[in-house]
Amino acid sequence: MSSFPGSPRTMPGAIVAVDPLSPLARTVIFQYNPDEVTRSLRPRAAPTGGSSASDAHRIWGAPTETIAMTVELDATDGLESGDPLAATTGTIEVLPPEAPLTVLVWGPGRVVPVRVESLTIREQAFTTGLMPIRASVDVNLEVLSYNDLSPTDPGFALFLVHQVLKETMASVAAVASVAGAAASAVGGAASGSVSGSVSGSVSIGG
């Protein structure tokens, strides 16, 4: 994050573990936001049992979405300030061991239920006792859609909200694109008409 005084404050990303039986959600707030987030979409496969030729163009549900990012973790500042947890253990909890529902929070426009597919941890710096104090974590998450969750699951409603936001943004972008194309066409036609009128006037005057 930039140290420039006028730079805007960026909301930190987080992974939240929600347990319906516990009033307190377990939250892992990113120490540093990833510089890059990769999203992959692939069509949802046909149900087990195969599909016939008549199902070639059938839509089986929401596409399977995967989110990948690299999260940087650094306990160096904690060591300098005398944080007893960083000084004695040097460990960083990435995710709670059990989470009935895991939610990725990446700004107000992207709060989605996810399943942690994999974590790849690269330890990069150590204490004198060889405990890790700096690490990069490659996180791969699969977004859970209404195909994966029951209607009574809290994540079901979260995904529907996420889907509506995406469809709304796509509709707004499509309307803006059509409006831009129409404006360009009208502007081009008007320019051609004016040019033709000027050329005709010059020719008659000559």
Foldseek 3Di string as FASTA:
>chain_A
DDPPPPDDDDDWKWKWFDDPVDPDIDIDTFPDHFPDKDKDWDADDDPPPDDDPVCPPPRPDGTKMKIKTKGKFACPVVVVVVPVCCVPAVDDDDDPPDGPWMWIGDDPLGTFTKDWPDKDKDADDADPVRRGGIIMIITMIITDECVRDPPVDPRHVVRVSNVVSVVVVVVVVVVVVVVVVVVVVVVVVVVVVVVVVVVVVVVVVD
